[in-house]
Amino acid sequence: MSEWSVAEPQKLTFDTQVSDLHVRIVNGTVNVVGTDEGSARLEVSAIEGPPLTVTQEGGTLTVAYEDLPWKGFLKWLDRKGWRRSAVVSLAVPADTRVEVGVVGAGAVVSGLSGPSVIKGVNGDTTLVGLSGTVRADTVSGNLEAQAVTGDLRFNSISGDLTVVEGSGPSVRADSVSGSMIIDLDPDGPTDVRLTSVSGEIAIRLPHPADADVEANTASGTISNAFDGLRVHGQWGAHKITGRLGAGNGKLRATTVSGSIALLRRPPGEDEHDTPRETKPPTDPATEPKTASGDNSVSGQDATAPDAPADGTTEKKVL
C-alpha cells in the first residue's frame, strides 16, 4: 500500500490501474472526470485545515480525511471538524467505480461508465454524462443530473432533484420536502417512481410518450398536458391515470401536499433554436406552460373549464 499526506497544493499521478475511487471531504469542491487513459491523476489545488490522506491499495484509490469514515457518513456532524476545506480534482479511467462523500462541499462527477455512489450532508452535486448506475443520498443537498443514461436512485430529506434530458431505464426518487423536476428524453421504456411528502413534482415527457401513468396528490394541485390521461377528484385528493402510447414504460408519482405537473415536449423540439413565439398559442401540445394547454384541477371538477396550472411549478420546469 502507498500512502501520501497532502497538507498543501499538490499533484499526484498513479501509474497502477485504478478500478475504485473513494473521496470524502468537508467544504470545498470535488471534481471527478472519467477519461480514456489507464492512469489516474489527482490535483489538490487548495487546502486548509488538517491534511488529506491519499492511499492506494491494489486498484483502490482513496482521498479522504482520516476522521471522516464512509460508514455513517450522513450522520457526521462534528462541527469542530468542519474547520477545513479542500479543492480536489481527479481524472480516472471511465469504468472506475466511484464513491464520493461531501459535507458542505460541492461535487461534479462526469464522463463515467462505472457505477457511482454519492453521499452529501448539505453539499450540492452535479452529474453529467454518466452511463453507469447512480445512487445518491443527501440530507439537504440538491442533485442535478444531466444526460444521465444509467439507472438513477435518489433519496433525500429536503434536497431537490433536477433531471435534464434523462434517458436512463429508471428514475426512482424519495424525498420529504424536496422538489423534483424531471425532464425525460428516453430511448426506450422508462420506469419512473417519485415519492414526496410536501415537495412539488414536475415531469416533462416526450411527445408522443410511451408510459402507463398514475399520479396522486392528497391536497395539492394537479396540472396535466396530455389529452389521453384522465384527471379524477373534485375536492381534496386528485389523481391522474391513463396510458400514453403502448404503455410500455411506467410513471408513478405520489405526494401528500405538493403539486404535480405533467408536461410534454413537442416533437422535434429544439429549445435553443425554436422561439416560443412561433408555436401556435391555441395548440396545447406545444404550449404546456400556458393555462389553455393544461387539463388542470385545483379543488374543481375535472369536467369544468380548464383552470390555470400551478404557475410556480411550471415556471421552474420551463
C-alpha atoms as a PDB file:
ATOM      1  CA  MET A   1       0.000   0.000   0.000  1.00  0.00           C
ATOM      2  CA  SER A   2       1.214   3.504  -0.877  1.00  0.00           C
ATOM      3  CA  GLU A   3       0.247   6.489   1.249  1.00  0.00           C
ATOM      4  CA  TRP A   4       0.637  10.264   0.987  1.00  0.00           C
ATOM      5  CA  SER A   5      -0.269  13.092   3.354  1.00  0.00           C
ATOM      6  CA  VAL A   6      -1.312  16.196   1.414  1.00  0.00           C
ATOM      7  CA  ALA A   7      -1.127  19.374   3.502  1.00  0.00           C
ATOM      8  CA  GLU A   8      -0.580  21.860   0.664  1.00  0.00           C
ATOM      9  CA  PRO A   9      -1.492  22.151  -3.045  1.00  0.00           C
ATOM     10  CA  GLN A  10      -0.016  19.178  -4.851  1.00  0.00           C
ATOM     11  CA  LYS A  11      -0.327  16.966  -7.949  1.00  0.00           C
ATOM     12  CA  LEU A  12      -0.001  13.183  -7.952  1.00  0.00           C
ATOM     13  CA  THR A  13      -0.029  10.627 -10.773  1.00  0.00           C
ATOM     14  CA  PHE A  14      -0.848   6.966 -10.167  1.00  0.00           C
ATOM     15  CA  ASP A  15       0.560   4.535 -12.727  1.00  0.00           C
ATOM     16  CA  THR A  16      -1.081   1.474 -11.163  1.00  0.00           C
ATOM     17  CA  GLN A  17      -4.513   0.681 -12.567  1.00  0.00           C
ATOM     18  CA  VAL A  18      -7.354   2.297 -10.575  1.00  0.00           C
ATOM     19  CA  SER A  19     -10.693   0.474 -10.515  1.00  0.00           C
ATOM     20  CA  ASP A  20     -12.253   2.010  -7.375  1.00  0.00           C
ATOM     21  CA  LEU A  21     -12.169   5.623  -6.191  1.00  0.00           C
ATOM     22  CA  HIS A  22     -13.241   6.824  -2.739  1.00  0.00           C
ATOM     23  CA  VAL A  23     -13.354  10.560  -1.971  1.00  0.00           C
ATOM     24  CA  ARG A  24     -14.551  12.166   1.280  1.00  0.00           C
ATOM     25  CA  ILE A  25     -14.065  15.867   2.022  1.00  0.00           C
ATOM     26  CA  VAL A  26     -15.526  18.661   4.141  1.00  0.00           C
ATOM     27  CA  ASN A  27     -16.144  22.040   2.458  1.00  0.00           C
ATOM     28  CA  GLY A  28     -14.552  22.986  -0.833  1.00  0.00           C
ATOM     29  CA  THR A  29     -15.120  21.151  -4.118  1.00  0.00           C
ATOM     30  CA  VAL A  30     -14.677  17.698  -5.627  1.00  0.00           C
ATOM     31  CA  ASN A  31     -14.358  17.220  -9.390  1.00  0.00           C
ATOM     32  CA  VAL A  32     -14.192  13.695 -10.800  1.00  0.00           C
ATOM     33  CA  VAL A  33     -13.961  13.083 -14.542  1.00  0.00           C
ATOM     34  CA  GLY A  34     -13.692   9.842 -16.473  1.00  0.00           C
ATOM     35  CA  THR A  35     -11.018   9.546 -19.167  1.00  0.00           C
ATOM     36  CA  ASP A  36      -9.767   7.002 -21.703  1.00  0.00           C
ATOM     37  CA  GLU A  37      -6.367   6.917 -20.018  1.00  0.00           C
ATOM     38  CA  GLY A  38      -5.271   3.930 -17.964  1.00  0.00           C
ATOM     39  CA  SER A  39      -3.679   6.011 -15.208  1.00  0.00           C
ATOM     40  CA  ALA A  40      -5.282   8.277 -12.610  1.00  0.00           C
ATOM     41  CA  ARG A  41      -4.321  11.826 -11.672  1.00  0.00           C
ATOM     42  CA  LEU A  42      -5.013  13.885  -8.565  1.00  0.00           C
ATOM     43  CA  GLU A  43      -4.684  17.630  -8.084  1.00  0.00           C
ATOM     44  CA  VAL A  44      -5.303  19.311  -4.756  1.00  0.00           C
ATOM     45  CA  SER A  45      -5.364  22.983  -5.748  1.00  0.00           C
ATOM     46  CA  ALA A  46      -6.322  24.399  -2.347  1.00  0.00           C
ATOM     47  CA  ILE A  47      -6.426  23.041   1.180  1.00  0.00           C
ATOM     48  CA  GLU A  48      -6.977  24.449   4.651  1.00  0.00           C
ATOM     49  CA  GLY A  49      -7.006  22.693   7.986  1.00  0.00           C
ATOM     50  CA  PRO A  50      -5.833  19.112   8.525  1.00  0.00           C
ATOM     51  CA  PRO A  51      -4.113  17.253   5.671  1.00  0.00           C
ATOM     52  CA  LEU A  52      -5.850  14.877   3.315  1.00  0.00           C
ATOM     53  CA  THR A  53      -4.720  11.275   3.385  1.00  0.00           C
ATOM     54  CA  VAL A  54      -4.217   9.660  -0.022  1.00  0.00           C
ATOM     55  CA  THR A  55      -3.820   5.895  -0.175  1.00  0.00           C
ATOM     56  CA  GLN A  56      -3.577   3.391  -2.995  1.00  0.00           C
ATOM     57  CA  GLU A  57      -4.045  -0.261  -2.197  1.00  0.00           C
ATOM     58  CA  GLY A  58      -4.400  -2.565  -5.142  1.00  0.00           C
ATOM     59  CA  GLY A  59      -6.877  -0.938  -7.520  1.00  0.00           C
ATOM     60  CA  THR A  60      -8.487   1.240  -4.833  1.00  0.00           C
ATOM     61  CA  LEU A  61      -7.553   4.922  -4.565  1.00  0.00           C
ATOM     62  CA  THR A  62      -8.782   6.840  -1.505  1.00  0.00           C
ATOM     63  CA  VAL A  63      -8.651  10.598  -0.926  1.00  0.00           C
ATOM     64  CA  ALA A  64     -10.149  11.459   2.464  1.00  0.00           C
ATOM     65  CA  TYR A  65      -9.745  12.744   5.984  1.00  0.00           C
ATOM     66  CA  GLU A  66      -8.771  10.072   8.482  1.00  0.00           C
ATOM     67  CA  ASP A  67     -11.574  11.074  10.878  1.00  0.00           C
ATOM     68  CA  LEU A  68     -14.315  11.028   8.214  1.00  0.00           C
ATOM     69  CA  PRO A  69     -15.364   7.397   7.649  1.00  0.00           C
ATOM     70  CA  TRP A  70     -17.701   6.257   4.877  1.00  0.00           C
ATOM     71  CA  LYS A  71     -19.809   4.228   7.289  1.00  0.00           C
ATOM     72  CA  GLY A  72     -22.268   6.553   8.990  1.00  0.00           C
ATOM     73  CA  PHE A  73     -21.180   9.382   6.706  1.00  0.00           C
ATOM     74  CA  LEU A  74     -24.526  11.197   6.644  1.00  0.00           C
ATOM     75  CA  LYS A  75     -24.522  11.388  10.459  1.00  0.00           C
ATOM     76  CA  TRP A  76     -21.091  13.013  10.680  1.00  0.00           C
ATOM     77  CA  LEU A  77     -21.900  16.367  12.295  1.00  0.00           C
ATOM     78  CA  ASP A  78     -18.701  17.169  14.220  1.00  0.00           C
ATOM     79  CA  ARG A  79     -18.802  20.967  13.985  1.00  0.00           C
ATOM     80  CA  LYS A  80     -15.170  21.299  15.078  1.00  0.00           C
ATOM     81  CA  GLY A  81     -14.183  19.066  12.211  1.00  0.00           C
ATOM     82  CA  TRP A  82     -15.831  21.430   9.743  1.00  0.00           C
ATOM     83  CA  ARG A  83     -12.962  23.907  10.068  1.00  0.00           C
ATOM     84  CA  ARG A  84     -11.316  22.574   6.955  1.00  0.00           C
ATOM     85  CA  SER A  85     -11.605  22.894   3.209  1.00  0.00           C
ATOM     86  CA  ALA A  86     -10.108  21.350   0.087  1.00  0.00           C
ATOM     87  CA  VAL A  87     -10.458  21.670  -3.670  1.00  0.00           C
ATOM     88  CA  VAL A  88      -9.807  18.261  -5.204  1.00  0.00           C
ATOM     89  CA  SER A  89      -9.818  17.246  -8.880  1.00  0.00           C
ATOM     90  CA  LEU A  90      -9.380  13.676 -10.114  1.00  0.00           C
ATOM     91  CA  ALA A  91      -9.139  12.086 -13.553  1.00  0.00           C
ATOM     92  CA  VAL A  92      -9.724   8.335 -13.531  1.00  0.00           C
ATOM     93  CA  PRO A  93     -10.488   5.617 -16.113  1.00  0.00           C
ATOM     94  CA  ALA A  94     -14.108   5.938 -17.257  1.00  0.00           C
ATOM     95  CA  ASP A  95     -15.099   2.473 -15.957  1.00  0.00           C
ATOM     96  CA  THR A  96     -13.945   3.247 -12.399  1.00  0.00           C
ATOM     97  CA  ARG A  97     -16.394   2.599  -9.574  1.00  0.00           C
ATOM     98  CA  VAL A  98     -16.707   5.926  -7.727  1.00  0.00           C
ATOM     99  CA  GLU A  99     -17.831   6.790  -4.194  1.00  0.00           C
ATOM    100  CA  VAL A 100     -17.964  10.482  -3.300  1.00  0.00           C
ATOM    101  CA  GLY A 101     -18.928  11.903   0.097  1.00  0.00           C
ATOM    102  CA  VAL A 102     -19.227  15.643   0.734  1.00  0.00           C
ATOM    103  CA  VAL A 103     -20.074  17.685   3.820  1.00  0.00           C
ATOM    104  CA  GLY A 104     -20.747  21.296   2.866  1.00  0.00           C
ATOM    105  CA  ALA A 105     -18.824  20.777  -0.365  1.00  0.00           C
ATOM    106  CA  GLY A 106     -19.914  20.830  -3.998  1.00  0.00           C
ATOM    107  CA  ALA A 107     -19.293  17.827  -6.238  1.00  0.00           C
ATOM    108  CA  VAL A 108     -19.195  17.414 -10.013  1.00  0.00           C
ATOM    109  CA  VAL A 109     -18.940  13.892 -11.450  1.00  0.00           C
ATOM    110  CA  SER A 110     -18.831  13.411 -15.225  1.00  0.00           C
ATOM    111  CA  GLY A 111     -17.929  11.048 -18.041  1.00  0.00           C
ATOM    112  CA  LEU A 112     -18.121   7.760 -16.109  1.00  0.00           C
ATOM    113  CA  SER A 113     -19.454   4.410 -17.293  1.00  0.00           C
ATOM    114  CA  GLY A 114     -18.911   2.634 -13.981  1.00  0.00           C
ATOM    115  CA  PRO A 115     -21.321   2.791 -11.027  1.00  0.00           C
ATOM    116  CA  SER A 116     -21.355   5.924  -8.861  1.00  0.00           C
ATOM    117  CA  VAL A 117     -22.418   6.394  -5.240  1.00  0.00           C
ATOM    118  CA  ILE A 118     -22.859   9.926  -3.900  1.00  0.00           C
ATOM    119  CA  LYS A 119     -23.471  10.909  -0.275  1.00  0.00           C
ATOM    120  CA  GLY A 120     -23.904  14.504   0.834  1.00  0.00           C
ATOM    121  CA  VAL A 121     -24.927  16.236   4.028  1.00  0.00           C
ATOM    122  CA  ASN A 122     -25.588  19.705   2.619  1.00  0.00           C
ATOM    123  CA  GLY A 123     -23.439  19.988  -0.468  1.00  0.00           C
ATOM    124  CA  ASP A 124     -24.904  20.222  -3.982  1.00  0.00           C
ATOM    125  CA  THR A 125     -23.955  17.635  -6.611  1.00  0.00           C
ATOM    126  CA  THR A 126     -23.943  17.782 -10.409  1.00  0.00           C
ATOM    127  CA  LEU A 127     -23.771  14.619 -12.525  1.00  0.00           C
ATOM    128  CA  VAL A 128     -23.050  14.905 -16.238  1.00  0.00           C
ATOM    129  CA  GLY A 129     -22.915  12.182 -18.878  1.00  0.00           C
ATOM    130  CA  LEU A 130     -22.928   9.132 -16.596  1.00  0.00           C
ATOM    131  CA  SER A 131     -23.886   5.809 -18.168  1.00  0.00           C
ATOM    132  CA  GLY A 132     -23.439   3.614 -15.096  1.00  0.00           C
ATOM    133  CA  THR A 133     -25.877   3.202 -12.243  1.00  0.00           C
ATOM    134  CA  VAL A 134     -26.122   6.149  -9.843  1.00  0.00           C
ATOM    135  CA  ARG A 135     -27.151   6.078  -6.181  1.00  0.00           C
ATOM    136  CA  ALA A 136     -27.343   9.433  -4.379  1.00  0.00           C
ATOM    137  CA  ASP A 137     -28.286  10.035  -0.738  1.00  0.00           C
ATOM    138  CA  THR A 138     -28.372  13.519   0.773  1.00  0.00           C
ATOM    139  CA  VAL A 139     -29.686  15.270   3.841  1.00  0.00           C
ATOM    140  CA  SER A 140     -30.319  18.708   2.353  1.00  0.00           C
ATOM    141  CA  GLY A 141     -28.027  18.750  -0.654  1.00  0.00           C
ATOM    142  CA  ASN A 142     -29.516  19.215  -4.132  1.00  0.00           C
ATOM    143  CA  LEU A 143     -28.767  16.912  -7.058  1.00  0.00           C
ATOM    144  CA  GLU A 144     -28.759  17.862 -10.735  1.00  0.00           C
ATOM    145  CA  ALA A 145     -28.324  15.097 -13.294  1.00  0.00           C
ATOM    146  CA  GLN A 146     -27.678  15.999 -16.930  1.00  0.00           C
ATOM    147  CA  ALA A 147     -27.718  13.458 -19.783  1.00  0.00           C
ATOM    148  CA  VAL A 148     -27.538  10.506 -17.388  1.00  0.00           C
ATOM    149  CA  THR A 149     -28.242   7.266 -19.263  1.00  0.00           C
ATOM    150  CA  GLY A 150     -27.951   4.775 -16.387  1.00  0.00           C
ATOM    151  CA  ASP A 151     -30.353   3.912 -13.585  1.00  0.00           C
ATOM    152  CA  LEU A 152     -30.754   6.808 -11.126  1.00  0.00           C
ATOM    153  CA  ARG A 153     -31.757   6.383  -7.475  1.00  0.00           C
ATOM    154  CA  PHE A 154     -32.112   9.436  -5.205  1.00  0.00           C
ATOM    155  CA  ASN A 155     -33.008   9.739  -1.522  1.00  0.00           C
ATOM    156  CA  SER A 156     -33.124  12.994   0.433  1.00  0.00           C
ATOM    157  CA  ILE A 157     -34.801  14.772   3.315  1.00  0.00           C
ATOM    158  CA  SER A 158     -35.029  18.277   1.865  1.00  0.00           C
ATOM    159  CA  GLY A 159     -32.747  18.215  -1.158  1.00  0.00           C
ATOM    160  CA  ASP A 160     -34.157  18.971  -4.623  1.00  0.00           C
ATOM    161  CA  LEU A 161     -33.724  16.687  -7.627  1.00  0.00           C
ATOM    162  CA  THR A 162     -33.398  18.037 -11.169  1.00  0.00           C
ATOM    163  CA  VAL A 163     -33.017  15.676 -14.120  1.00  0.00           C
ATOM    164  CA  VAL A 164     -32.263  17.209 -17.533  1.00  0.00           C
ATOM    165  CA  GLU A 165     -32.552  15.060 -20.672  1.00  0.00           C
ATOM    166  CA  GLY A 166     -32.812  11.878 -18.633  1.00  0.00           C
ATOM    167  CA  SER A 167     -32.710   8.816 -20.861  1.00  0.00           C
ATOM    168  CA  GLY A 168     -31.926   6.029 -18.406  1.00  0.00           C
ATOM    169  CA  PRO A 169     -34.138   2.949 -17.967  1.00  0.00           C
ATOM    170  CA  SER A 170     -35.260   4.003 -14.475  1.00  0.00           C
ATOM    171  CA  VAL A 171     -35.501   7.021 -12.161  1.00  0.00           C
ATOM    172  CA  ARG A 172     -36.504   6.470  -8.547  1.00  0.00           C
ATOM    173  CA  ALA A 173     -36.597   9.275  -6.018  1.00  0.00           C
ATOM    174  CA  ASP A 174     -37.851   9.733  -2.467  1.00  0.00           C
ATOM    175  CA  SER A 175     -37.878  12.998  -0.525  1.00  0.00           C
ATOM    176  CA  VAL A 176     -39.651  14.537   2.437  1.00  0.00           C
ATOM    177  CA  SER A 177     -39.818  18.173   1.345  1.00  0.00           C
ATOM    178  CA  GLY A 178     -37.529  18.383  -1.662  1.00  0.00           C
ATOM    179  CA  SER A 179     -38.934  19.256  -5.091  1.00  0.00           C
ATOM    180  CA  MET A 180     -38.462  17.005  -8.121  1.00  0.00           C
ATOM    181  CA  ILE A 181     -38.174  18.322 -11.663  1.00  0.00           C
ATOM    182  CA  ILE A 182     -37.746  15.508 -14.182  1.00  0.00           C
ATOM    183  CA  ASP A 183     -37.201  16.149 -17.899  1.00  0.00           C
ATOM    184  CA  LEU A 184     -37.227  12.815 -19.740  1.00  0.00           C
ATOM    185  CA  ASP A 185     -35.991  12.007 -23.227  1.00  0.00           C
ATOM    186  CA  PRO A 186     -35.725   8.203 -23.102  1.00  0.00           C
ATOM    187  CA  ASP A 187     -34.506   5.908 -25.870  1.00  0.00           C
ATOM    188  CA  GLY A 188     -36.927   3.213 -24.703  1.00  0.00           C
ATOM    189  CA  PRO A 189     -39.389   2.375 -21.920  1.00  0.00           C
ATOM    190  CA  THR A 190     -38.567   4.123 -18.641  1.00  0.00           C
ATOM    191  CA  ASP A 191     -39.651   3.206 -15.123  1.00  0.00           C
ATOM    192  CA  VAL A 192     -40.142   6.417 -13.113  1.00  0.00           C
ATOM    193  CA  ARG A 193     -41.240   6.296  -9.469  1.00  0.00           C
ATOM    194  CA  LEU A 194     -41.297   9.514  -7.438  1.00  0.00           C
ATOM    195  CA  THR A 195     -42.468   9.987  -3.850  1.00  0.00           C
ATOM    196  CA  SER A 196     -42.552  13.133  -1.727  1.00  0.00           C
ATOM    197  CA  VAL A 197     -44.419  14.367   1.333  1.00  0.00           C
ATOM    198  CA  SER A 198     -44.631  18.113   0.687  1.00  0.00           C
ATOM    199  CA  GLY A 199     -42.362  18.675  -2.291  1.00  0.00           C
ATOM    200  CA  GLU A 200     -43.596  19.650  -5.753  1.00  0.00           C
ATOM    201  CA  ILE A 201     -43.245  17.137  -8.586  1.00  0.00           C
ATOM    202  CA  ALA A 202     -42.978  18.194 -12.232  1.00  0.00           C
ATOM    203  CA  ILE A 203     -42.361  15.731 -15.048  1.00  0.00           C
ATOM    204  CA  ARG A 204     -41.887  16.549 -18.711  1.00  0.00           C
ATOM    205  CA  LEU A 205     -42.380  13.663 -21.121  1.00  0.00           C
ATOM    206  CA  PRO A 206     -41.606  13.442 -24.829  1.00  0.00           C
ATOM    207  CA  HIS A 207     -44.487  13.630 -27.296  1.00  0.00           C
ATOM    208  CA  PRO A 208     -45.578  11.063 -28.232  1.00  0.00           C
ATOM    209  CA  ALA A 209     -44.919   9.379 -24.891  1.00  0.00           C
ATOM    210  CA  ASP A 210     -44.993   5.671 -24.030  1.00  0.00           C
ATOM    211  CA  ALA A 211     -45.994   5.094 -20.416  1.00  0.00           C
ATOM    212  CA  ASP A 212     -48.635   3.803 -18.057  1.00  0.00           C
ATOM    213  CA  VAL A 213     -49.326   6.781 -15.783  1.00  0.00           C
ATOM    214  CA  GLU A 214     -50.604   7.101 -12.241  1.00  0.00           C
ATOM    215  CA  ALA A 215     -50.001  10.313 -10.262  1.00  0.00           C
ATOM    216  CA  ASN A 216     -51.579  11.159  -6.907  1.00  0.00           C
ATOM    217  CA  THR A 217     -51.666  14.120  -4.554  1.00  0.00           C
ATOM    218  CA  ALA A 218     -53.706  14.256  -1.345  1.00  0.00           C
ATOM    219  CA  SER A 219     -54.179  18.021  -1.123  1.00  0.00           C
ATOM    220  CA  GLY A 220     -52.000  19.615  -3.810  1.00  0.00           C
ATOM    221  CA  THR A 221     -52.955  20.875  -7.259  1.00  0.00           C
ATOM    222  CA  ILE A 222     -52.644  18.917 -10.491  1.00  0.00           C
ATOM    223  CA  SER A 223     -51.700  20.099 -13.979  1.00  0.00           C
ATOM    224  CA  ASN A 224     -51.965  17.754 -16.960  1.00  0.00           C
ATOM    225  CA  ALA A 225     -50.942  18.499 -20.550  1.00  0.00           C
ATOM    226  CA  PHE A 226     -51.913  15.101 -22.045  1.00  0.00           C
ATOM    227  CA  ASP A 227     -55.389  14.684 -23.540  1.00  0.00           C
ATOM    228  CA  GLY A 228     -55.147  10.882 -23.230  1.00  0.00           C
ATOM    229  CA  LEU A 229     -54.969  10.958 -19.428  1.00  0.00           C
ATOM    230  CA  ARG A 230     -57.877  11.198 -17.028  1.00  0.00           C
ATOM    231  CA  VAL A 231     -57.986  13.534 -14.037  1.00  0.00           C
ATOM    232  CA  HIS A 232     -60.031  12.341 -11.059  1.00  0.00           C
ATOM    233  CA  GLY A 233     -61.122  14.138  -7.918  1.00  0.00           C
ATOM    234  CA  GLN A 234     -63.177  17.261  -7.325  1.00  0.00           C
ATOM    235  CA  TRP A 235     -62.059  18.175  -3.814  1.00  0.00           C
ATOM    236  CA  GLY A 236     -59.056  17.183  -1.754  1.00  0.00           C
ATOM    237  CA  ALA A 237     -57.275  14.226  -3.338  1.00  0.00           C
ATOM    238  CA  HIS A 238     -56.562  14.313  -7.077  1.00  0.00           C
ATOM    239  CA  LYS A 239     -55.316  11.605  -9.387  1.00  0.00           C
ATOM    240  CA  ILE A 240     -54.103  11.345 -12.974  1.00  0.00           C
ATOM    241  CA  THR A 241     -54.358   7.946 -14.642  1.00  0.00           C
ATOM    242  CA  GLY A 242     -54.168   6.545 -18.131  1.00  0.00           C
ATOM    243  CA  ARG A 243     -51.940   5.122 -20.823  1.00  0.00           C
ATOM    244  CA  LEU A 244     -49.782   7.027 -23.257  1.00  0.00           C
ATOM    245  CA  GLY A 245     -48.804   5.176 -26.399  1.00  0.00           C
ATOM    246  CA  ALA A 246     -48.422   1.427 -25.817  1.00  0.00           C
ATOM    247  CA  GLY A 247     -47.858   1.958 -22.109  1.00  0.00           C
ATOM    248  CA  ASN A 248     -44.545   0.089 -22.057  1.00  0.00           C
ATOM    249  CA  GLY A 249     -42.975   2.486 -19.558  1.00  0.00           C
ATOM    250  CA  LYS A 250     -44.262   3.285 -16.077  1.00  0.00           C
ATOM    251  CA  LEU A 251     -44.742   6.614 -14.360  1.00  0.00           C
ATOM    252  CA  ARG A 252     -45.742   6.675 -10.712  1.00  0.00           C
ATOM    253  CA  ALA A 253     -45.729   9.937  -8.734  1.00  0.00           C
ATOM    254  CA  THR A 254     -47.102  10.466  -5.249  1.00  0.00           C
ATOM    255  CA  THR A 255     -47.063  13.498  -2.968  1.00  0.00           C
ATOM    256  CA  VAL A 256     -49.164  14.374   0.065  1.00  0.00           C
ATOM    257  CA  SER A 257     -49.415  18.162  -0.075  1.00  0.00           C
ATOM    258  CA  GLY A 258     -47.226  19.063  -3.031  1.00  0.00           C
ATOM    259  CA  SER A 259     -48.468  19.851  -6.530  1.00  0.00           C
ATOM    260  CA  ILE A 260     -47.967  17.592  -9.560  1.00  0.00           C
ATOM    261  CA  ALA A 261     -47.481  18.790 -13.135  1.00  0.00           C
ATOM    262  CA  LEU A 262     -47.265  16.574 -16.208  1.00  0.00           C
ATOM    263  CA  LEU A 263     -45.836  18.487 -19.158  1.00  0.00           C
ATOM    264  CA  ARG A 264     -44.936  17.424 -22.666  1.00  0.00           C
ATOM    265  CA  ARG A 265     -42.176  18.288 -25.048  1.00  0.00           C
ATOM    266  CA  PRO A 266     -43.346  18.966 -28.615  1.00  0.00           C
ATOM    267  CA  PRO A 267     -41.944  16.568 -31.243  1.00  0.00           C
ATOM    268  CA  GLY A 268     -38.574  17.618 -32.594  1.00  0.00           C
ATOM    269  CA  GLU A 269     -38.301  20.442 -30.064  1.00  0.00           C
ATOM    270  CA  ASP A 270     -35.061  22.378 -30.110  1.00  0.00           C
ATOM    271  CA  GLU A 271     -35.266  24.821 -27.241  1.00  0.00           C
ATOM    272  CA  HIS A 272     -32.235  26.767 -28.408  1.00  0.00           C
ATOM    273  CA  ASP A 273     -33.326  27.341 -31.975  1.00  0.00           C
ATOM    274  CA  THR A 274     -37.133  27.431 -31.887  1.00  0.00           C
ATOM    275  CA  PRO A 275     -38.588  30.584 -30.340  1.00  0.00           C
ATOM    276  CA  ARG A 276     -41.683  30.003 -28.225  1.00  0.00           C
ATOM    277  CA  GLU A 277     -43.444  32.806 -30.108  1.00  0.00           C
ATOM    278  CA  THR A 278     -43.502  30.688 -33.293  1.00  0.00           C
ATOM    279  CA  LYS A 279     -45.616  27.985 -31.655  1.00  0.00           C
ATOM    280  CA  PRO A 280     -49.392  28.107 -32.215  1.00  0.00           C
ATOM    281  CA  PRO A 281     -50.764  29.571 -28.990  1.00  0.00           C
ATOM    282  CA  THR A 282     -54.000  27.587 -29.262  1.00  0.00           C
ATOM    283  CA  ASP A 283     -52.320  24.168 -29.580  1.00  0.00           C
ATOM    284  CA  PRO A 284     -51.991  22.611 -26.105  1.00  0.00           C
ATOM    285  CA  ALA A 285     -49.364  20.185 -27.391  1.00  0.00           C
ATOM    286  CA  THR A 286     -46.898  22.969 -27.954  1.00  0.00           C
ATOM    287  CA  GLU A 287     -47.613  25.325 -25.072  1.00  0.00           C
ATOM    288  CA  PRO A 288     -47.741  23.341 -21.792  1.00  0.00           C
ATOM    289  CA  LYS A 289     -46.673  26.490 -19.995  1.00  0.00           C
ATOM    290  CA  THR A 290     -49.972  28.281 -20.621  1.00  0.00           C
ATOM    291  CA  ALA A 291     -53.244  27.634 -18.858  1.00  0.00           C
ATOM    292  CA  SER A 292     -55.038  26.848 -22.119  1.00  0.00           C
ATOM    293  CA  GLY A 293     -52.847  23.822 -22.743  1.00  0.00           C
ATOM    294  CA  ASP A 294     -53.389  22.064 -19.405  1.00  0.00           C
ATOM    295  CA  ASN A 295     -56.156  19.894 -18.049  1.00  0.00           C
ATOM    296  CA  SER A 296     -55.799  21.303 -14.549  1.00  0.00           C
ATOM    297  CA  VAL A 297     -57.618  20.509 -11.341  1.00  0.00           C
ATOM    298  CA  SER A 298     -57.264  22.513  -8.165  1.00  0.00           C
ATOM    299  CA  GLY A 299     -60.251  21.785  -5.999  1.00  0.00           C
ATOM    300  CA  GLN A 300     -62.546  21.791  -9.056  1.00  0.00           C
ATOM    301  CA  ASP A 301     -64.497  19.305 -11.073  1.00  0.00           C
ATOM    302  CA  ALA A 302     -62.333  17.705 -13.749  1.00  0.00           C
ATOM    303  CA  THR A 303     -65.050  18.384 -16.302  1.00  0.00           C
ATOM    304  CA  ALA A 304     -65.051  22.122 -15.637  1.00  0.00           C
ATOM    305  CA  PRO A 305     -63.273  24.524 -17.998  1.00  0.00           C
ATOM    306  CA  ASP A 306     -59.521  24.353 -17.894  1.00  0.00           C
ATOM    307  CA  ALA A 307     -58.047  26.103 -14.875  1.00  0.00           C
ATOM    308  CA  PRO A 308     -54.593  27.627 -14.711  1.00  0.00           C
ATOM    309  CA  ALA A 309     -51.811  25.224 -13.872  1.00  0.00           C
ATOM    310  CA  ASP A 310     -49.583  25.666 -10.843  1.00  0.00           C
ATOM    311  CA  GLY A 311     -47.572  28.607 -12.057  1.00  0.00           C
ATOM    312  CA  THR A 312     -44.733  28.040  -9.597  1.00  0.00           C
ATOM    313  CA  THR A 313     -44.033  24.519 -10.714  1.00  0.00           C
ATOM    314  CA  GLU A 314     -44.231  25.164 -14.424  1.00  0.00           C
ATOM    315  CA  LYS A 315     -42.052  28.219 -14.182  1.00  0.00           C
ATOM    316  CA  LYS A 316     -39.359  26.144 -12.525  1.00  0.00           C
ATOM    317  CA  VAL A 317     -39.534  23.464 -15.184  1.00  0.00           C
ATOM    318  CA  LEU A 318     -39.653  25.586 -18.280  1.00  0.00           C
END
